[in-house]
């Protein structure tokens, strides 16, 4: 790991950023995050009602993992869901991306959005949906942390 918190030069996304969609459905990506994403990146359907944004290098890692999945119905269905919504994006001069209508609908985006950093990816949430997610899960975060980080005995 280098001094920037990056492991082997891979992006490390953290933080919570609030931005509004403009009248044309474009979303501003904060400059700090744009630097990590580089020139172009992948926007796709996420899980739990959000959108995922991956830098190209991370997207290539994901595609390689999918290629190694068994050819089962579950794997095919997930790949259909995940890959059919994927688009290559780049920011315009004002740092905005255009969110295609199917992705806009998938995440139920209204005017106010929240962009969160989740290690190797960004997630785009409708503000109200994000606040509900946090509220519904807040009490369980401590128990979840205990389970995830429990020492192996």
C-alpha atoms as a PDB file:
ATOM      1  CA  UNK A   1       0.000   0.000   0.000  1.00  0.00           C
ATOM      2  CA  UNK A   2       1.351   3.444  -0.829  1.00  0.00           C
ATOM      3  CA  UNK A   3       1.048   6.597   1.322  1.00  0.00           C
ATOM      4  CA  UNK A   4      -2.195   7.729  -0.321  1.00  0.00           C
ATOM      5  CA  UNK A   5      -4.138   4.782   1.069  1.00  0.00           C
ATOM      6  CA  UNK A   6      -4.134   3.093  -2.322  1.00  0.00           C
ATOM      7  CA  UNK A   7      -3.213  -0.534  -2.677  1.00  0.00           C
ATOM      8  CA  UNK A   8      -1.065  -1.164  -5.757  1.00  0.00           C
ATOM      9  CA  UNK A   9      -2.240   2.046  -7.405  1.00  0.00           C
ATOM     10  CA  UNK A  10      -5.930   1.066  -7.258  1.00  0.00           C
ATOM     11  CA  UNK A  11      -8.482   3.798  -6.502  1.00  0.00           C
ATOM     12  CA  UNK A  12      -9.839   3.963  -2.968  1.00  0.00           C
ATOM     13  CA  UNK A  13     -13.160   5.773  -2.711  1.00  0.00           C
ATOM     14  CA  UNK A  14     -14.472   7.073   0.602  1.00  0.00           C
ATOM     15  CA  UNK A  15     -16.826   9.822   1.715  1.00  0.00           C
ATOM     16  CA  UNK A  16     -20.344  11.089   1.108  1.00  0.00           C
ATOM     17  CA  UNK A  17     -21.148  13.838  -1.380  1.00  0.00           C
ATOM     18  CA  UNK A  18     -24.496  15.545  -2.034  1.00  0.00           C
ATOM     19  CA  UNK A  19     -25.301  16.837  -5.521  1.00  0.00           C
ATOM     20  CA  UNK A  20     -28.460  17.600  -7.459  1.00  0.00           C
ATOM     21  CA  UNK A  21     -29.421  16.321 -10.879  1.00  0.00           C
ATOM     22  CA  UNK A  22     -29.766  19.195 -13.324  1.00  0.00           C
ATOM     23  CA  UNK A  23     -32.782  19.683 -15.597  1.00  0.00           C
ATOM     24  CA  UNK A  24     -31.227  17.375 -18.212  1.00  0.00           C
ATOM     25  CA  UNK A  25     -30.647  14.537 -15.741  1.00  0.00           C
ATOM     26  CA  UNK A  26     -26.908  15.129 -15.403  1.00  0.00           C
ATOM     27  CA  UNK A  27     -25.062  14.607 -12.138  1.00  0.00           C
ATOM     28  CA  UNK A  28     -21.876  16.388 -11.099  1.00  0.00           C
ATOM     29  CA  UNK A  29     -19.104  14.087  -9.929  1.00  0.00           C
ATOM     30  CA  UNK A  30     -16.942  15.833  -7.302  1.00  0.00           C
ATOM     31  CA  UNK A  31     -13.501  16.794  -8.602  1.00  0.00           C
ATOM     32  CA  UNK A  32     -11.732  14.691  -5.975  1.00  0.00           C
ATOM     33  CA  UNK A  33     -13.553  11.606  -7.253  1.00  0.00           C
ATOM     34  CA  UNK A  34     -13.048  12.494 -10.918  1.00  0.00           C
ATOM     35  CA  UNK A  35      -9.297  12.430 -10.347  1.00  0.00           C
ATOM     36  CA  UNK A  36      -9.534   8.817  -9.152  1.00  0.00           C
ATOM     37  CA  UNK A  37     -11.895   7.758 -11.948  1.00  0.00           C
ATOM     38  CA  UNK A  38      -9.552   9.084 -14.667  1.00  0.00           C
ATOM     39  CA  UNK A  39     -10.871   9.777 -18.178  1.00  0.00           C
ATOM     40  CA  UNK A  40     -13.688   7.287 -18.535  1.00  0.00           C
ATOM     41  CA  UNK A  41     -15.410   4.815 -16.268  1.00  0.00           C
ATOM     42  CA  UNK A  42     -18.364   2.445 -16.092  1.00  0.00           C
ATOM     43  CA  UNK A  43     -21.829   3.285 -14.728  1.00  0.00           C
ATOM     44  CA  UNK A  44     -24.224   0.383 -14.155  1.00  0.00           C
ATOM     45  CA  UNK A  45     -27.129  -0.917 -12.098  1.00  0.00           C
ATOM     46  CA  UNK A  46     -26.119  -1.479  -8.539  1.00  0.00           C
ATOM     47  CA  UNK A  47     -27.612  -3.552  -5.801  1.00  0.00           C
ATOM     48  CA  UNK A  48     -30.023  -2.334  -3.125  1.00  0.00           C
ATOM     49  CA  UNK A  49     -31.521   0.315  -5.416  1.00  0.00           C
ATOM     50  CA  UNK A  50     -28.457   2.384  -6.281  1.00  0.00           C
ATOM     51  CA  UNK A  51     -26.059   2.777  -9.201  1.00  0.00           C
ATOM     52  CA  UNK A  52     -22.435   1.624  -9.225  1.00  0.00           C
ATOM     53  CA  UNK A  53     -19.559   3.556 -10.797  1.00  0.00           C
ATOM     54  CA  UNK A  54     -16.321   1.676 -11.438  1.00  0.00           C
ATOM     55  CA  UNK A  55     -12.981   2.933 -12.721  1.00  0.00           C
ATOM     56  CA  UNK A  56     -11.973   0.996 -15.851  1.00  0.00           C
ATOM     57  CA  UNK A  57      -9.231  -0.945 -14.054  1.00  0.00           C
ATOM     58  CA  UNK A  58     -11.677  -2.247 -11.440  1.00  0.00           C
ATOM     59  CA  UNK A  59     -14.319  -2.997 -14.090  1.00  0.00           C
ATOM     60  CA  UNK A  60     -11.798  -5.181 -15.937  1.00  0.00           C
ATOM     61  CA  UNK A  61     -11.196  -7.127 -12.703  1.00  0.00           C
ATOM     62  CA  UNK A  62     -14.942  -7.684 -12.284  1.00  0.00           C
ATOM     63  CA  UNK A  63     -15.369  -8.862 -15.887  1.00  0.00           C
ATOM     64  CA  UNK A  64     -12.518 -11.324 -15.410  1.00  0.00           C
ATOM     65  CA  UNK A  65     -14.279 -12.755 -12.326  1.00  0.00           C
ATOM     66  CA  UNK A  66     -17.538 -13.084 -14.292  1.00  0.00           C
ATOM     67  CA  UNK A  67     -15.774 -14.953 -17.071  1.00  0.00           C
ATOM     68  CA  UNK A  68     -14.717 -17.536 -14.504  1.00  0.00           C
ATOM     69  CA  UNK A  69     -18.219 -18.070 -13.109  1.00  0.00           C
ATOM     70  CA  UNK A  70     -19.916 -21.372 -13.873  1.00  0.00           C
ATOM     71  CA  UNK A  71     -22.539 -21.245 -16.620  1.00  0.00           C
ATOM     72  CA  UNK A  72     -25.463 -21.563 -14.217  1.00  0.00           C
ATOM     73  CA  UNK A  73     -28.871 -19.915 -14.453  1.00  0.00           C
ATOM     74  CA  UNK A  74     -28.085 -17.675 -11.448  1.00  0.00           C
ATOM     75  CA  UNK A  75     -24.779 -16.526 -12.937  1.00  0.00           C
ATOM     76  CA  UNK A  76     -26.376 -15.841 -16.332  1.00  0.00           C
ATOM     77  CA  UNK A  77     -29.254 -13.913 -14.752  1.00  0.00           C
ATOM     78  CA  UNK A  78     -26.949 -11.795 -12.631  1.00  0.00           C
ATOM     79  CA  UNK A  79     -24.693 -11.026 -15.587  1.00  0.00           C
ATOM     80  CA  UNK A  80     -27.732 -10.000 -17.640  1.00  0.00           C
ATOM     81  CA  UNK A  81     -28.897  -7.637 -14.901  1.00  0.00           C
ATOM     82  CA  UNK A  82     -25.485  -6.164 -14.203  1.00  0.00           C
ATOM     83  CA  UNK A  83     -23.998  -5.915 -17.683  1.00  0.00           C
ATOM     84  CA  UNK A  84     -27.078  -4.870 -19.677  1.00  0.00           C
ATOM     85  CA  UNK A  85     -27.245  -1.607 -17.751  1.00  0.00           C
ATOM     86  CA  UNK A  86     -23.552  -0.820 -18.052  1.00  0.00           C
ATOM     87  CA  UNK A  87     -22.428   2.246 -20.000  1.00  0.00           C
ATOM     88  CA  UNK A  88     -19.066   3.900 -20.456  1.00  0.00           C
ATOM     89  CA  UNK A  89     -19.124   7.460 -19.134  1.00  0.00           C
ATOM     90  CA  UNK A  90     -16.854  10.429 -19.087  1.00  0.00           C
ATOM     91  CA  UNK A  91     -17.376  13.754 -17.404  1.00  0.00           C
ATOM     92  CA  UNK A  92     -18.081  16.851 -19.448  1.00  0.00           C
ATOM     93  CA  UNK A  93     -16.081  20.059 -18.864  1.00  0.00           C
ATOM     94  CA  UNK A  94     -18.246  20.888 -15.831  1.00  0.00           C
ATOM     95  CA  UNK A  95     -17.667  17.453 -14.284  1.00  0.00           C
ATOM     96  CA  UNK A  96     -21.152  16.105 -15.053  1.00  0.00           C
ATOM     97  CA  UNK A  97     -22.263  12.718 -16.332  1.00  0.00           C
ATOM     98  CA  UNK A  98     -25.461  11.919 -18.158  1.00  0.00           C
ATOM     99  CA  UNK A  99     -27.403   9.125 -16.481  1.00  0.00           C
ATOM    100  CA  UNK A 100     -29.362   7.079 -19.049  1.00  0.00           C
ATOM    101  CA  UNK A 101     -33.106   6.726 -18.424  1.00  0.00           C
ATOM    102  CA  UNK A 102     -33.072   2.993 -17.517  1.00  0.00           C
ATOM    103  CA  UNK A 103     -30.415   3.625 -14.853  1.00  0.00           C
ATOM    104  CA  UNK A 104     -32.228   6.731 -13.685  1.00  0.00           C
ATOM    105  CA  UNK A 105     -35.359   4.624 -13.145  1.00  0.00           C
ATOM    106  CA  UNK A 106     -33.488   1.712 -11.551  1.00  0.00           C
ATOM    107  CA  UNK A 107     -32.194   3.953  -8.760  1.00  0.00           C
ATOM    108  CA  UNK A 108     -35.430   6.011  -8.526  1.00  0.00           C
ATOM    109  CA  UNK A 109     -33.334   9.153  -8.772  1.00  0.00           C
ATOM    110  CA  UNK A 110     -35.095  12.405  -8.036  1.00  0.00           C
ATOM    111  CA  UNK A 111     -33.402  15.796  -7.870  1.00  0.00           C
ATOM    112  CA  UNK A 112     -31.244  15.222  -4.773  1.00  0.00           C
ATOM    113  CA  UNK A 113     -28.578  12.517  -4.979  1.00  0.00           C
ATOM    114  CA  UNK A 114     -25.887  11.159  -2.708  1.00  0.00           C
ATOM    115  CA  UNK A 115     -22.605   9.798  -4.058  1.00  0.00           C
ATOM    116  CA  UNK A 116     -20.770   7.562  -1.618  1.00  0.00           C
ATOM    117  CA  UNK A 117     -17.327   6.000  -1.791  1.00  0.00           C
ATOM    118  CA  UNK A 118     -17.289   2.261  -1.147  1.00  0.00           C
ATOM    119  CA  UNK A 119     -13.654   1.216  -1.517  1.00  0.00           C
ATOM    120  CA  UNK A 120     -13.213   0.235  -5.198  1.00  0.00           C
ATOM    121  CA  UNK A 121     -16.447   1.826  -6.456  1.00  0.00           C
ATOM    122  CA  UNK A 122     -18.802   4.740  -6.058  1.00  0.00           C
ATOM    123  CA  UNK A 123     -22.518   4.381  -5.440  1.00  0.00           C
ATOM    124  CA  UNK A 124     -25.162   6.878  -6.540  1.00  0.00           C
ATOM    125  CA  UNK A 125     -28.302   6.967  -4.388  1.00  0.00           C
ATOM    126  CA  UNK A 126     -31.466   8.976  -4.376  1.00  0.00           C
ATOM    127  CA  UNK A 127     -31.101  11.105  -1.206  1.00  0.00           C
ATOM    128  CA  UNK A 128     -34.325   9.884   0.410  1.00  0.00           C
ATOM    129  CA  UNK A 129     -33.550   6.234  -0.374  1.00  0.00           C
ATOM    130  CA  UNK A 130     -30.039   6.640   1.096  1.00  0.00           C
ATOM    131  CA  UNK A 131     -31.380   8.237   4.272  1.00  0.00           C
ATOM    132  CA  UNK A 132     -33.909   5.409   4.650  1.00  0.00           C
ATOM    133  CA  UNK A 133     -31.172   2.810   4.127  1.00  0.00           C
ATOM    134  CA  UNK A 134     -29.033   4.387   6.850  1.00  0.00           C
ATOM    135  CA  UNK A 135     -31.971   4.729   9.237  1.00  0.00           C
ATOM    136  CA  UNK A 136     -33.153   1.141   8.717  1.00  0.00           C
ATOM    137  CA  UNK A 137     -29.678  -0.331   9.167  1.00  0.00           C
ATOM    138  CA  UNK A 138     -28.092   1.975  11.739  1.00  0.00           C
ATOM    139  CA  UNK A 139     -28.869  -0.140  14.787  1.00  0.00           C
ATOM    140  CA  UNK A 140     -27.526  -3.295  13.175  1.00  0.00           C
ATOM    141  CA  UNK A 141     -24.172  -1.821  12.073  1.00  0.00           C
ATOM    142  CA  UNK A 142     -22.515  -2.545  15.421  1.00  0.00           C
ATOM    143  CA  UNK A 143     -23.624  -6.206  15.401  1.00  0.00           C
ATOM    144  CA  UNK A 144     -22.629  -6.537  11.766  1.00  0.00           C
ATOM    145  CA  UNK A 145     -19.165  -5.112  12.501  1.00  0.00           C
ATOM    146  CA  UNK A 146     -18.760  -7.628  15.326  1.00  0.00           C
ATOM    147  CA  UNK A 147     -19.593 -10.500  12.948  1.00  0.00           C
ATOM    148  CA  UNK A 148     -17.455  -9.290  10.063  1.00  0.00           C
ATOM    149  CA  UNK A 149     -14.373  -8.436  12.104  1.00  0.00           C
ATOM    150  CA  UNK A 150     -14.582 -11.158  14.730  1.00  0.00           C
ATOM    151  CA  UNK A 151     -11.139 -12.651  15.338  1.00  0.00           C
ATOM    152  CA  UNK A 152     -10.715 -16.232  14.158  1.00  0.00           C
ATOM    153  CA  UNK A 153     -10.270 -18.363  17.250  1.00  0.00           C
END
